Protein backbone atom coordinates (compact mmCIF):
# COMPACT_ATOMS: atom_id res chain seq x y z
CA MET A 1 -5.80 -6.30 22.00
CA THR A 2 -5.84 -9.80 20.51
CA SER A 3 -3.29 -10.50 17.78
CA PHE A 4 -3.36 -12.64 14.65
CA PRO A 5 -0.73 -14.02 12.25
CA LEU A 6 0.15 -11.61 9.42
CA LYS A 7 2.35 -12.18 6.40
CA ILE A 8 3.21 -9.45 3.92
CA VAL A 9 4.74 -10.83 0.73
CA THR A 10 5.61 -8.88 -2.43
CA PRO A 11 7.12 -10.12 -5.70
CA ASP A 12 10.47 -9.05 -4.17
CA GLY A 13 10.06 -11.31 -1.14
CA LEU A 14 8.81 -11.52 2.44
CA ILE A 15 8.35 -8.10 4.08
CA PHE A 16 6.75 -9.11 7.38
CA ASP A 17 5.92 -12.39 9.13
CA GLY A 18 4.64 -12.08 12.66
CA GLN A 19 1.77 -11.13 14.93
CA ALA A 20 -0.35 -8.01 14.40
CA GLU A 21 -3.26 -6.49 16.29
CA GLU A 22 -4.72 -4.53 13.38
CA VAL A 23 -4.27 -4.02 9.63
CA VAL A 24 -5.95 -1.29 7.59
CA VAL A 25 -5.48 -1.25 3.81
CA ARG A 26 -7.08 0.47 0.84
CA SER A 27 -9.08 -2.02 -1.22
CA THR A 28 -10.49 -1.18 -4.62
CA SER A 29 -13.83 -0.43 -2.94
CA GLY A 30 -12.56 1.51 0.09
CA ASP A 31 -10.57 1.06 3.29
CA LEU A 32 -10.64 -2.38 4.87
CA GLY A 33 -9.80 -2.94 8.54
CA ILE A 34 -8.80 -6.34 9.87
CA LEU A 35 -8.84 -7.35 13.54
CA ALA A 36 -8.51 -10.77 15.17
CA GLY A 37 -11.55 -12.93 14.48
CA HIS A 38 -12.29 -11.32 11.10
CA ILE A 39 -14.50 -13.34 8.75
CA ASN A 40 -12.75 -15.15 5.90
CA CYS A 41 -12.43 -12.89 2.86
CA VAL A 42 -10.35 -11.98 -0.15
CA ALA A 43 -10.18 -8.43 -1.52
CA PRO A 44 -8.24 -6.69 -4.29
CA LEU A 45 -6.02 -3.81 -3.17
CA GLY A 46 -6.00 -0.31 -4.60
CA MET A 47 -3.37 2.37 -3.94
CA GLY A 48 -3.11 3.88 -0.50
CA ARG A 49 -1.67 3.93 2.96
CA ALA A 50 -1.51 0.68 4.90
CA THR A 51 -1.47 0.75 8.69
CA VAL A 52 -0.09 -2.21 10.62
CA MET A 53 -0.34 -2.29 14.40
CA THR A 54 2.12 -4.69 15.95
CA GLY A 55 3.38 -4.75 19.51
CA GLY A 56 1.06 -1.84 20.30
CA LYS A 57 2.79 0.43 17.77
CA ARG A 58 1.46 1.64 14.42
CA ARG A 59 3.59 1.50 11.29
CA TYR A 60 2.60 3.04 7.99
CA ALA A 61 3.41 1.95 4.46
CA ALA A 62 2.60 2.74 0.86
CA CYS A 63 0.67 -0.29 -0.40
CA ILE A 64 -0.08 -0.51 -4.10
CA GLY A 65 -2.05 -3.20 -5.90
CA GLY A 66 -2.35 -6.88 -5.14
CA MET A 67 -4.71 -8.60 -2.71
CA ILE A 68 -5.40 -9.36 0.92
CA SER A 69 -6.83 -12.61 2.23
CA VAL A 70 -8.12 -13.69 5.61
CA VAL A 71 -8.43 -17.46 6.02
CA ASN A 72 -9.19 -19.01 9.40
CA GLY A 73 -7.64 -16.08 11.26
CA ASN A 74 -4.46 -15.94 9.16
CA VAL A 75 -4.02 -12.70 7.21
CA THR A 76 -1.90 -12.57 4.07
CA LEU A 77 -1.21 -9.30 2.32
CA VAL A 78 0.19 -9.75 -1.21
CA PRO A 79 0.73 -6.25 -2.61
CA THR A 80 2.47 -5.45 -5.87
CA THR A 81 4.58 -2.92 -3.95
CA PHE A 82 4.84 -2.24 -0.24
CA GLU A 83 7.17 0.36 1.28
CA TRP A 84 7.39 1.19 4.95
CA ALA A 85 7.14 4.96 5.49
CA GLU A 86 10.69 5.21 6.83
CA SER A 87 12.05 3.52 3.67
CA ILE A 88 10.37 5.78 1.13
CA ASP A 89 12.77 7.89 -0.92
CA THR A 90 10.82 11.16 -1.05
CA ALA A 91 13.18 12.70 -3.61
CA ARG A 92 12.52 9.78 -5.94
CA ALA A 93 8.76 10.07 -5.38
CA GLU A 94 8.93 13.80 -6.08
CA ALA A 95 10.91 13.22 -9.31
CA SER A 96 8.34 10.63 -10.41
CA GLN A 97 5.55 13.10 -9.68
CA HIS A 98 7.23 15.78 -11.81
CA ARG A 99 7.80 13.36 -14.72
CA ALA A 100 4.15 12.27 -14.60
CA GLU A 101 2.91 15.86 -14.47
CA ALA A 102 5.07 16.73 -17.48
CA VAL A 103 3.50 13.94 -19.53
CA LEU A 104 0.01 14.98 -18.43
CA GLN A 105 0.67 18.54 -19.68
CA ARG A 106 1.85 17.42 -23.10
CA LYS A 107 -0.66 18.05 -25.88
CA ASP A 108 0.70 15.20 -28.02
CA ALA A 109 0.58 12.46 -25.33
CA SER A 110 -1.27 9.30 -26.37
CA ASP A 111 -4.13 7.85 -24.32
CA THR A 112 -1.80 5.10 -23.11
CA GLU A 113 0.85 7.62 -22.05
CA LEU A 114 -1.79 9.65 -20.22
CA LYS A 115 -3.15 6.61 -18.35
CA LEU A 116 0.34 5.50 -17.35
CA ALA A 117 1.22 9.02 -16.22
CA GLN A 118 -1.97 9.25 -14.15
CA ALA A 119 -1.12 5.96 -12.42
CA ARG A 120 2.50 7.10 -11.86
CA LEU A 121 1.27 10.38 -10.40
CA HIS A 122 -1.15 8.61 -8.05
CA ARG A 123 1.61 6.25 -6.83
CA ALA A 124 4.00 9.16 -6.27
CA LEU A 125 1.40 11.09 -4.30
CA VAL A 126 0.60 8.05 -2.14
CA ARG A 127 4.29 7.49 -1.43
CA LYS A 128 4.85 11.17 -0.53
CA SER A 129 1.78 11.21 1.70
CA VAL A 130 2.84 8.05 3.55
CA ALA A 131 6.42 9.29 3.92
CA SER A 132 5.11 12.45 5.60
CA SER A 133 3.27 10.34 8.22
CA LYS A 134 6.44 8.74 9.62
CA ILE A 135 6.29 8.34 13.37
């Protein structure tokens, strides 16, 4: 399979800089798969599992927010957060899930608190799901 240059950069720094054969990420309008020779594009990222195939092996990550761009065969993934499956702290994700669920059950929670709790819950569930797909 033909490879292409891939960079993954978060606000915390460079996560990956090398060759990849395939990238699949969740955009705000659905999953987006990138192979060598992909047309130039820019897309906003949603919350979901990212799959990166490099050296013939698939790696999974929780990828939340940001954007992906493909320009002249170079792919740049700029997520708000990106955690490889093997680095996810499942206990922390579980604790975040429980805190979010507690807010969502409160009768006196404001609209803002509810929206933030829903987002926190979604992130926690994505992280737990990705962590369970470690290979």
